[in-house]
């Protein structure tokens, strides 16, 4: 998938995930202040690691594992890129999960648990 579409998906997932995640304290949002006193607001002290999947089914499998382990996540799928937001919602409603193409998934949890789930992925370049 093209970089622009991936960045769009990542932006939507990051904003959506931060809105739904229940434990804001665990996300460790902090403000950074530069030498001139400029404030750079609400940056997480946690690492943000972007991984690459071989295909949509690998993301589907990860999504199912996250659901099974009750690890909070959100995802971005192919029906979210066509037309207006109303058309996107309608297209999603008309498409079975097995027919969806996953562009990305965003999640947060304990390092050891996530490492086990993501060991087949590589760092995105």
N, C-alpha and C. Protein backbone atom coordinates (compact mmCIF):
# COMPACT_ATOMS: atom_id res chain seq x y z
N UNK A 1 0.85 -1.17 0.00
CA UNK A 1 0.00 0.00 0.00
C UNK A 1 0.89 1.24 0.00
N UNK A 2 0.44 2.29 -0.64
CA UNK A 2 1.22 3.52 -0.74
C UNK A 2 1.39 4.18 0.62
N UNK A 3 2.49 4.91 0.78
CA UNK A 3 2.84 5.53 2.06
C UNK A 3 1.77 6.51 2.53
N UNK A 4 1.22 7.31 1.63
CA UNK A 4 0.19 8.28 2.01
C UNK A 4 -1.03 7.62 2.63
N UNK A 5 -1.46 6.52 2.05
CA UNK A 5 -2.62 5.80 2.58
C UNK A 5 -2.28 5.19 3.94
N UNK A 6 -1.06 4.68 4.09
CA UNK A 6 -0.64 4.12 5.38
C UNK A 6 -0.59 5.19 6.45
N UNK A 7 -0.08 6.35 6.12
CA UNK A 7 -0.01 7.44 7.10
C UNK A 7 -1.41 7.90 7.49
N UNK A 8 -2.33 7.94 6.54
CA UNK A 8 -3.72 8.28 6.82
C UNK A 8 -4.32 7.27 7.80
N UNK A 9 -4.11 5.99 7.52
CA UNK A 9 -4.63 4.95 8.40
C UNK A 9 -4.02 5.07 9.79
N UNK A 10 -2.72 5.30 9.87
CA UNK A 10 -2.05 5.44 11.16
C UNK A 10 -2.59 6.62 11.95
N UNK A 11 -2.80 7.74 11.28
CA UNK A 11 -3.35 8.92 11.95
C UNK A 11 -4.73 8.65 12.52
N UNK A 12 -5.60 8.05 11.71
CA UNK A 12 -6.95 7.73 12.18
C UNK A 12 -6.91 6.77 13.36
N UNK A 13 -6.07 5.74 13.27
CA UNK A 13 -6.01 4.76 14.35
C UNK A 13 -5.46 5.37 15.63
N UNK A 14 -4.41 6.18 15.53
CA UNK A 14 -3.80 6.77 16.73
C UNK A 14 -4.79 7.69 17.45
N UNK A 15 -5.47 8.54 16.69
CA UNK A 15 -6.45 9.43 17.30
C UNK A 15 -7.60 8.63 17.91
N UNK A 16 -8.10 7.67 17.17
CA UNK A 16 -9.19 6.85 17.67
C UNK A 16 -8.81 6.05 18.89
N UNK A 17 -7.61 5.49 18.87
CA UNK A 17 -7.17 4.68 20.01
C UNK A 17 -7.03 5.53 21.26
N UNK A 18 -6.44 6.71 21.12
CA UNK A 18 -6.26 7.55 22.31
C UNK A 18 -7.61 7.99 22.89
N UNK A 19 -8.63 8.08 22.05
CA UNK A 19 -9.96 8.44 22.54
C UNK A 19 -10.64 7.28 23.26
N UNK A 20 -10.36 6.05 22.84
CA UNK A 20 -11.06 4.91 23.44
C UNK A 20 -10.31 4.27 24.60
N UNK A 21 -9.01 4.49 24.70
CA UNK A 21 -8.25 3.79 25.73
C UNK A 21 -8.62 4.33 27.11
N UNK A 22 -8.96 3.45 28.01
CA UNK A 22 -9.52 3.81 29.31
C UNK A 22 -8.51 4.36 30.30
N UNK A 23 -7.25 3.97 30.22
CA UNK A 23 -6.26 4.33 31.24
C UNK A 23 -5.29 5.38 30.67
N UNK A 24 -5.72 6.64 30.69
CA UNK A 24 -4.89 7.70 30.12
C UNK A 24 -3.54 7.83 30.85
N UNK A 25 -3.52 7.51 32.14
CA UNK A 25 -2.28 7.58 32.90
C UNK A 25 -1.24 6.60 32.36
N UNK A 26 -1.66 5.42 31.95
CA UNK A 26 -0.74 4.42 31.42
C UNK A 26 -0.13 4.86 30.09
N UNK A 27 -0.84 5.70 29.35
CA UNK A 27 -0.30 6.20 28.08
C UNK A 27 0.81 7.22 28.29
N UNK A 28 0.91 7.73 29.52
CA UNK A 28 1.98 8.65 29.94
C UNK A 28 2.14 9.84 28.98
N UNK A 29 1.05 10.57 28.78
CA UNK A 29 1.15 11.79 27.99
C UNK A 29 1.87 12.86 28.80
N UNK A 30 2.74 13.56 28.15
CA UNK A 30 3.56 14.56 28.82
C UNK A 30 3.74 15.74 27.89
N UNK A 31 4.06 16.88 28.46
CA UNK A 31 4.38 18.06 27.67
C UNK A 31 5.89 18.23 27.64
N UNK A 32 6.42 18.58 26.50
CA UNK A 32 7.84 18.83 26.33
C UNK A 32 8.03 20.34 26.17
N UNK A 33 9.02 20.88 26.85
CA UNK A 33 9.29 22.32 26.80
C UNK A 33 10.67 22.52 26.19
N UNK A 34 10.74 23.34 25.13
CA UNK A 34 12.04 23.61 24.52
C UNK A 34 12.76 24.74 25.25
N UNK A 35 13.97 25.00 24.86
CA UNK A 35 14.83 26.00 25.51
C UNK A 35 14.20 27.39 25.51
N UNK A 36 13.40 27.69 24.49
CA UNK A 36 12.77 29.01 24.38
C UNK A 36 11.44 29.09 25.13
N UNK A 37 11.07 28.02 25.83
CA UNK A 37 9.83 28.02 26.58
C UNK A 37 8.63 27.55 25.78
N UNK A 38 8.85 27.17 24.54
CA UNK A 38 7.75 26.65 23.71
C UNK A 38 7.30 25.29 24.23
N UNK A 39 5.98 25.12 24.31
CA UNK A 39 5.44 23.88 24.85
C UNK A 39 4.93 23.00 23.70
N UNK A 40 5.34 21.75 23.74
CA UNK A 40 4.92 20.74 22.76
C UNK A 40 4.06 19.74 23.52
N UNK A 41 2.74 19.89 23.34
CA UNK A 41 1.74 19.24 24.20
C UNK A 41 1.48 17.76 23.90
N UNK A 42 1.20 17.05 24.96
CA UNK A 42 0.58 15.73 24.95
C UNK A 42 1.29 14.71 24.06
N UNK A 43 2.56 14.50 24.35
CA UNK A 43 3.36 13.48 23.66
C UNK A 43 3.55 12.32 24.63
N UNK A 44 3.31 11.10 24.16
CA UNK A 44 3.46 9.94 25.05
C UNK A 44 4.93 9.64 25.28
N UNK A 45 5.25 9.33 26.53
CA UNK A 45 6.61 8.90 26.88
C UNK A 45 6.84 7.44 26.49
N UNK A 46 5.78 6.73 26.10
CA UNK A 46 5.91 5.34 25.65
C UNK A 46 6.43 5.32 24.21
N UNK A 47 7.16 4.28 23.85
CA UNK A 47 7.59 4.18 22.44
C UNK A 47 6.39 3.89 21.55
N UNK A 48 6.46 4.37 20.34
CA UNK A 48 5.44 4.10 19.33
C UNK A 48 6.14 3.30 18.25
N UNK A 49 5.90 2.01 18.21
CA UNK A 49 6.61 1.12 17.31
C UNK A 49 5.70 0.77 16.14
N UNK A 50 6.19 0.98 14.93
CA UNK A 50 5.42 0.69 13.72
C UNK A 50 6.01 -0.55 13.08
N UNK A 51 5.17 -1.57 12.94
CA UNK A 51 5.59 -2.85 12.38
C UNK A 51 4.95 -3.05 11.01
N UNK A 52 5.50 -3.95 10.25
CA UNK A 52 5.01 -4.25 8.92
C UNK A 52 4.45 -5.67 8.88
N UNK A 53 3.29 -5.83 8.27
CA UNK A 53 2.67 -7.14 8.11
C UNK A 53 2.87 -7.61 6.67
N UNK A 54 2.87 -8.92 6.50
CA UNK A 54 2.98 -9.48 5.15
C UNK A 54 1.70 -9.28 4.35
N UNK A 55 0.55 -9.30 5.05
CA UNK A 55 -0.73 -9.20 4.35
C UNK A 55 -1.86 -8.91 5.35
N UNK A 56 -3.04 -8.71 4.81
CA UNK A 56 -4.21 -8.39 5.63
C UNK A 56 -4.58 -9.53 6.57
N UNK A 57 -4.41 -10.77 6.12
CA UNK A 57 -4.75 -11.90 6.98
C UNK A 57 -3.87 -11.97 8.22
N UNK A 58 -2.62 -11.55 8.11
CA UNK A 58 -1.74 -11.51 9.28
C UNK A 58 -2.29 -10.50 10.30
N UNK A 59 -2.80 -9.37 9.81
CA UNK A 59 -3.42 -8.38 10.70
C UNK A 59 -4.72 -8.91 11.30
N UNK A 60 -5.49 -9.63 10.51
CA UNK A 60 -6.74 -10.24 11.00
C UNK A 60 -6.43 -11.21 12.14
N UNK A 61 -5.41 -12.04 11.96
CA UNK A 61 -5.02 -12.99 13.00
C UNK A 61 -4.59 -12.27 14.26
N UNK A 62 -3.81 -11.20 14.11
CA UNK A 62 -3.38 -10.39 15.26
C UNK A 62 -4.60 -9.77 15.93
N UNK A 63 -5.52 -9.25 15.16
CA UNK A 63 -6.74 -8.64 15.70
C UNK A 63 -7.52 -9.65 16.54
N UNK A 64 -7.66 -10.85 16.03
CA UNK A 64 -8.38 -11.90 16.76
C UNK A 64 -7.66 -12.25 18.06
N UNK A 65 -6.34 -12.29 18.04
CA UNK A 65 -5.57 -12.59 19.25
C UNK A 65 -5.72 -11.47 20.28
N UNK A 66 -5.71 -10.23 19.81
CA UNK A 66 -5.90 -9.09 20.72
C UNK A 66 -7.28 -9.15 21.37
N UNK A 67 -8.30 -9.47 20.57
CA UNK A 67 -9.67 -9.61 21.11
C UNK A 67 -9.71 -10.71 22.17
N UNK A 68 -9.10 -11.84 21.86
CA UNK A 68 -9.10 -12.99 22.76
C UNK A 68 -8.43 -12.66 24.10
N UNK A 69 -7.38 -11.84 24.05
CA UNK A 69 -6.62 -11.50 25.26
C UNK A 69 -7.11 -10.19 25.91
N UNK A 70 -8.20 -9.63 25.39
CA UNK A 70 -8.75 -8.37 25.92
C UNK A 70 -7.73 -7.24 25.93
N UNK A 71 -6.93 -7.17 24.89
CA UNK A 71 -5.97 -6.08 24.73
C UNK A 71 -6.65 -5.01 23.88
N UNK A 72 -6.74 -3.78 24.38
CA UNK A 72 -7.43 -2.73 23.63
C UNK A 72 -6.75 -2.43 22.28
N UNK A 73 -7.57 -2.25 21.26
CA UNK A 73 -7.06 -1.96 19.92
C UNK A 73 -8.13 -1.25 19.10
N UNK A 74 -7.69 -0.69 18.00
CA UNK A 74 -8.61 -0.32 16.93
C UNK A 74 -7.90 -0.58 15.62
N UNK A 75 -8.65 -0.63 14.53
CA UNK A 75 -8.06 -0.98 13.25
C UNK A 75 -8.58 -0.07 12.15
N UNK A 76 -7.96 -0.18 11.00
CA UNK A 76 -8.35 0.60 9.83
C UNK A 76 -8.47 -0.36 8.66
N UNK A 77 -9.59 -0.29 7.95
CA UNK A 77 -9.90 -1.26 6.90
C UNK A 77 -10.22 -0.57 5.57
N UNK A 78 -10.24 -1.38 4.52
CA UNK A 78 -10.40 -0.85 3.17
C UNK A 78 -11.69 -0.09 2.94
N UNK A 79 -12.75 -0.38 3.68
CA UNK A 79 -14.01 0.32 3.47
C UNK A 79 -13.99 1.74 4.03
N UNK A 80 -12.91 2.08 4.72
CA UNK A 80 -12.80 3.40 5.35
C UNK A 80 -12.13 4.43 4.45
N UNK A 81 -11.89 4.08 3.18
CA UNK A 81 -11.17 5.02 2.30
C UNK A 81 -11.97 5.45 1.08
N UNK A 82 -13.22 4.96 0.96
CA UNK A 82 -14.00 5.30 -0.22
C UNK A 82 -15.10 6.30 0.11
N UNK A 83 -15.18 7.36 -0.67
CA UNK A 83 -16.28 8.31 -0.54
C UNK A 83 -16.29 9.09 0.77
N UNK A 84 -17.48 9.51 1.15
CA UNK A 84 -17.67 10.29 2.37
C UNK A 84 -17.70 9.36 3.58
N UNK A 85 -17.67 9.94 4.79
CA UNK A 85 -17.71 9.11 5.98
C UNK A 85 -19.01 8.30 6.04
N UNK A 86 -20.11 8.88 5.55
CA UNK A 86 -21.38 8.15 5.54
C UNK A 86 -21.31 6.96 4.58
N UNK A 87 -20.70 7.16 3.42
CA UNK A 87 -20.54 6.06 2.46
C UNK A 87 -19.60 4.99 3.02
N UNK A 88 -18.56 5.42 3.73
CA UNK A 88 -17.62 4.47 4.34
C UNK A 88 -18.32 3.60 5.37
N UNK A 89 -19.14 4.22 6.21
CA UNK A 89 -19.86 3.47 7.24
C UNK A 89 -20.84 2.50 6.59
N UNK A 90 -21.52 2.94 5.53
CA UNK A 90 -22.47 2.07 4.83
C UNK A 90 -21.74 0.89 4.19
N UNK A 91 -20.62 1.17 3.53
CA UNK A 91 -19.84 0.10 2.87
C UNK A 91 -19.34 -0.90 3.90
N UNK A 92 -18.89 -0.42 5.05
CA UNK A 92 -18.43 -1.31 6.12
C UNK A 92 -19.59 -2.18 6.60
N UNK A 93 -20.74 -1.57 6.79
CA UNK A 93 -21.93 -2.30 7.25
C UNK A 93 -22.34 -3.40 6.26
N UNK A 94 -22.08 -3.19 4.99
CA UNK A 94 -22.47 -4.14 3.94
C UNK A 94 -21.42 -5.21 3.67
N UNK A 95 -20.28 -5.14 4.34
CA UNK A 95 -19.16 -6.04 4.06
C UNK A 95 -18.92 -6.97 5.25
N UNK A 96 -18.87 -8.26 4.99
CA UNK A 96 -18.60 -9.21 6.08
C UNK A 96 -17.13 -9.10 6.50
N UNK A 97 -16.86 -9.43 7.75
CA UNK A 97 -15.50 -9.30 8.28
C UNK A 97 -14.49 -10.07 7.44
N UNK A 98 -14.86 -11.24 6.96
CA UNK A 98 -13.92 -12.06 6.19
C UNK A 98 -13.55 -11.42 4.85
N UNK A 99 -14.34 -10.47 4.39
CA UNK A 99 -14.08 -9.78 3.13
C UNK A 99 -13.33 -8.46 3.32
N UNK A 100 -13.13 -8.04 4.56
CA UNK A 100 -12.44 -6.79 4.83
C UNK A 100 -10.94 -6.95 4.62
N UNK A 101 -10.32 -5.90 4.12
CA UNK A 101 -8.86 -5.87 4.01
C UNK A 101 -8.35 -4.93 5.09
N UNK A 102 -7.49 -5.44 5.95
CA UNK A 102 -6.95 -4.65 7.05
C UNK A 102 -5.71 -3.89 6.59
N UNK A 103 -5.73 -2.57 6.82
CA UNK A 103 -4.59 -1.72 6.48
C UNK A 103 -3.69 -1.49 7.69
N UNK A 104 -4.25 -1.60 8.88
CA UNK A 104 -3.45 -1.38 10.08
C UNK A 104 -4.23 -1.70 11.32
N UNK A 105 -3.50 -1.82 12.42
CA UNK A 105 -4.10 -2.05 13.72
C UNK A 105 -3.24 -1.34 14.75
N UNK A 106 -3.87 -0.70 15.71
CA UNK A 106 -3.18 0.08 16.74
C UNK A 106 -3.60 -0.51 18.09
N UNK A 107 -2.61 -0.77 18.96
CA UNK A 107 -2.92 -1.39 20.25
C UNK A 107 -1.88 -0.99 21.28
N UNK A 108 -2.19 -1.28 22.54
CA UNK A 108 -1.31 -0.89 23.64
C UNK A 108 -1.43 -1.93 24.73
N UNK A 109 -0.29 -2.29 25.32
CA UNK A 109 -0.31 -3.26 26.40
C UNK A 109 1.08 -3.53 26.94
N UNK A 110 1.15 -4.59 27.72
CA UNK A 110 2.42 -4.99 28.34
C UNK A 110 3.38 -5.51 27.27
N UNK A 111 4.63 -5.08 27.37
CA UNK A 111 5.66 -5.41 26.41
C UNK A 111 5.78 -6.92 26.16
N UNK A 112 5.87 -7.70 27.23
CA UNK A 112 6.08 -9.14 27.06
C UNK A 112 4.90 -9.80 26.34
N UNK A 113 3.70 -9.39 26.66
CA UNK A 113 2.52 -9.95 26.02
C UNK A 113 2.45 -9.56 24.54
N UNK A 114 2.78 -8.31 24.24
CA UNK A 114 2.71 -7.84 22.86
C UNK A 114 3.83 -8.42 22.00
N UNK A 115 4.99 -8.60 22.59
CA UNK A 115 6.11 -9.19 21.86
C UNK A 115 5.75 -10.57 21.32
N UNK A 116 5.07 -11.35 22.14
CA UNK A 116 4.66 -12.69 21.74
C UNK A 116 3.70 -12.63 20.54
N UNK A 117 2.81 -11.65 20.54
CA UNK A 117 1.82 -11.53 19.47
C UNK A 117 2.41 -10.95 18.18
N UNK A 118 3.49 -10.19 18.29
CA UNK A 118 4.02 -9.48 17.13
C UNK A 118 5.37 -10.02 16.63
N UNK A 119 5.80 -11.15 17.14
CA UNK A 119 7.13 -11.66 16.79
C UNK A 119 7.28 -12.00 15.30
N UNK A 120 6.18 -12.21 14.59
CA UNK A 120 6.25 -12.53 13.16
C UNK A 120 6.26 -11.28 12.28
N UNK A 121 6.16 -10.11 12.89
CA UNK A 121 6.16 -8.85 12.15
C UNK A 121 7.58 -8.27 12.15
N UNK A 122 7.86 -7.42 11.17
CA UNK A 122 9.15 -6.74 11.13
C UNK A 122 8.93 -5.24 11.29
N UNK A 123 9.98 -4.52 11.63
CA UNK A 123 9.88 -3.07 11.73
C UNK A 123 9.57 -2.49 10.36
N UNK A 124 8.66 -1.50 10.34
CA UNK A 124 8.30 -0.86 9.08
C UNK A 124 9.43 0.07 8.65
N UNK A 125 9.74 0.05 7.37
CA UNK A 125 10.82 0.91 6.83
C UNK A 125 10.28 1.81 5.74
